[in-house]
Amino acid sequence: MSKTDVQKELEKAHAEPLLPIEKHLIGWSLGIGITLLVILALFNHLFPVAGA
């Protein structure tokens, strides 16, 4: 399949809305990621690496 064929197919494809479960999973993933990032930042602040 050539590049122009793929481009034509992508242009013909219509955007589909996210399902409620997909929105739920995205929300949970972002929430867990941000929470873990905050925990890591706090841990790094409380226990800094010596000699760095």
N, C-alpha and C. Protein backbone atom coordinates (compact mmCIF):
# COMPACT_ATOMS: atom_id res chain seq x y z
N MET A 1 0.86 -1.17 0.00
CA MET A 1 0.00 0.00 0.00
C MET A 1 0.90 1.23 0.00
N SER A 2 0.68 2.11 -0.95
CA SER A 2 1.54 3.28 -1.05
C SER A 2 1.12 4.36 -0.05
N LYS A 3 1.97 5.36 0.06
CA LYS A 3 1.71 6.43 1.02
C LYS A 3 0.44 7.19 0.68
N THR A 4 0.18 7.41 -0.61
CA THR A 4 -1.01 8.16 -1.00
C THR A 4 -2.28 7.36 -0.69
N ASP A 5 -2.21 6.04 -0.80
CA ASP A 5 -3.37 5.20 -0.45
C ASP A 5 -3.70 5.32 1.03
N VAL A 6 -2.68 5.30 1.86
CA VAL A 6 -2.89 5.42 3.29
C VAL A 6 -3.45 6.80 3.61
N GLN A 7 -2.91 7.82 2.97
CA GLN A 7 -3.39 9.17 3.21
C GLN A 7 -4.85 9.32 2.80
N LYS A 8 -5.24 8.74 1.68
CA LYS A 8 -6.63 8.81 1.23
C LYS A 8 -7.56 8.08 2.20
N GLU A 9 -7.12 6.93 2.69
CA GLU A 9 -7.93 6.18 3.64
C GLU A 9 -8.11 6.95 4.95
N LEU A 10 -7.04 7.59 5.41
CA LEU A 10 -7.14 8.38 6.64
C LEU A 10 -8.06 9.58 6.46
N GLU A 11 -8.05 10.17 5.27
CA GLU A 11 -8.94 11.31 5.01
C GLU A 11 -10.39 10.87 4.98
N LYS A 12 -10.65 9.66 4.51
CA LYS A 12 -12.03 9.15 4.43
C LYS A 12 -12.57 8.73 5.79
N ALA A 13 -11.67 8.33 6.69
CA ALA A 13 -12.10 7.84 8.00
C ALA A 13 -12.69 8.99 8.82
N HIS A 14 -13.78 8.71 9.49
CA HIS A 14 -14.41 9.73 10.33
C HIS A 14 -13.97 9.54 11.78
N ALA A 15 -13.94 10.64 12.51
CA ALA A 15 -13.53 10.59 13.91
C ALA A 15 -14.64 9.95 14.75
N GLU A 16 -14.26 9.03 15.59
CA GLU A 16 -15.23 8.36 16.45
C GLU A 16 -15.07 8.90 17.87
N PRO A 17 -16.16 9.19 18.54
CA PRO A 17 -16.06 9.68 19.92
C PRO A 17 -15.56 8.57 20.85
N LEU A 18 -14.94 9.00 21.94
CA LEU A 18 -14.47 8.02 22.92
C LEU A 18 -15.64 7.40 23.65
N LEU A 19 -15.50 6.13 23.94
CA LEU A 19 -16.50 5.43 24.74
C LEU A 19 -16.36 5.86 26.20
N PRO A 20 -17.43 5.77 26.97
CA PRO A 20 -17.33 6.15 28.39
C PRO A 20 -16.24 5.38 29.15
N ILE A 21 -16.06 4.11 28.84
CA ILE A 21 -15.02 3.34 29.52
C ILE A 21 -13.64 3.84 29.14
N GLU A 22 -13.47 4.29 27.90
CA GLU A 22 -12.18 4.83 27.49
C GLU A 22 -11.88 6.13 28.23
N LYS A 23 -12.88 6.97 28.39
CA LYS A 23 -12.71 8.21 29.14
C LYS A 23 -12.35 7.90 30.59
N HIS A 24 -13.00 6.88 31.14
CA HIS A 24 -12.74 6.47 32.52
C HIS A 24 -11.30 5.98 32.66
N LEU A 25 -10.85 5.16 31.73
CA LEU A 25 -9.49 4.64 31.79
C LEU A 25 -8.45 5.75 31.62
N ILE A 26 -8.71 6.70 30.74
CA ILE A 26 -7.80 7.83 30.56
C ILE A 26 -7.71 8.63 31.85
N GLY A 27 -8.84 8.88 32.48
CA GLY A 27 -8.86 9.62 33.74
C GLY A 27 -8.07 8.90 34.83
N TRP A 28 -8.28 7.60 34.95
CA TRP A 28 -7.55 6.83 35.96
C TRP A 28 -6.05 6.83 35.68
N SER A 29 -5.68 6.68 34.43
CA SER A 29 -4.26 6.66 34.07
C SER A 29 -3.59 7.98 34.40
N LEU A 30 -4.25 9.08 34.05
CA LEU A 30 -3.69 10.39 34.37
C LEU A 30 -3.63 10.60 35.87
N GLY A 31 -4.67 10.21 36.58
CA GLY A 31 -4.68 10.37 38.03
C GLY A 31 -3.57 9.59 38.71
N ILE A 32 -3.40 8.35 38.30
CA ILE A 32 -2.34 7.52 38.89
C ILE A 32 -0.97 8.09 38.55
N GLY A 33 -0.78 8.50 37.32
CA GLY A 33 0.51 9.06 36.90
C GLY A 33 0.87 10.32 37.66
N ILE A 34 -0.09 11.24 37.80
CA ILE A 34 0.18 12.48 38.52
C ILE A 34 0.42 12.20 39.99
N THR A 35 -0.36 11.31 40.58
CA THR A 35 -0.18 10.95 41.99
C THR A 35 1.21 10.37 42.23
N LEU A 36 1.64 9.46 41.38
CA LEU A 36 2.96 8.86 41.55
C LEU A 36 4.07 9.89 41.34
N LEU A 37 3.87 10.83 40.43
CA LEU A 37 4.86 11.88 40.22
C LEU A 37 4.98 12.77 41.46
N VAL A 38 3.86 13.11 42.09
CA VAL A 38 3.88 13.92 43.31
C VAL A 38 4.57 13.14 44.44
N ILE A 39 4.26 11.86 44.57
CA ILE A 39 4.91 11.04 45.60
C ILE A 39 6.41 10.99 45.37
N LEU A 40 6.84 10.82 44.14
CA LEU A 40 8.27 10.78 43.83
C LEU A 40 8.93 12.11 44.15
N ALA A 41 8.27 13.23 43.82
CA ALA A 41 8.83 14.55 44.12
C ALA A 41 8.95 14.76 45.63
N LEU A 42 7.93 14.36 46.39
CA LEU A 42 8.00 14.48 47.85
C LEU A 42 9.11 13.60 48.43
N PHE A 43 9.21 12.40 47.94
CA PHE A 43 10.25 11.48 48.41
C PHE A 43 11.64 12.04 48.12
N ASN A 44 11.80 12.62 46.93
CA ASN A 44 13.07 13.21 46.55
C ASN A 44 13.38 14.44 47.41
N HIS A 45 12.36 15.19 47.78
CA HIS A 45 12.55 16.38 48.62
C HIS A 45 12.91 15.99 50.06
N LEU A 46 12.27 14.95 50.56
CA LEU A 46 12.51 14.52 51.93
C LEU A 46 13.82 13.74 52.09
N PHE A 47 14.20 12.99 51.08
CA PHE A 47 15.41 12.17 51.14
C PHE A 47 16.31 12.48 49.94
N PRO A 48 16.98 13.63 49.94
CA PRO A 48 17.81 13.99 48.78
C PRO A 48 19.04 13.07 48.68
N VAL A 49 19.55 12.96 47.49
CA VAL A 49 20.73 12.13 47.24
C VAL A 49 21.96 12.91 47.69
N ALA A 50 22.77 12.30 48.55
CA ALA A 50 23.97 12.96 49.06
C ALA A 50 25.08 12.90 48.01
N GLY A 51 25.84 13.97 47.91
CA GLY A 51 26.99 14.01 47.03
C GLY A 51 26.66 14.32 45.59
N ALA A 52 25.47 14.79 45.34
CA ALA A 52 25.10 15.10 43.95
C ALA A 52 25.34 16.54 43.62
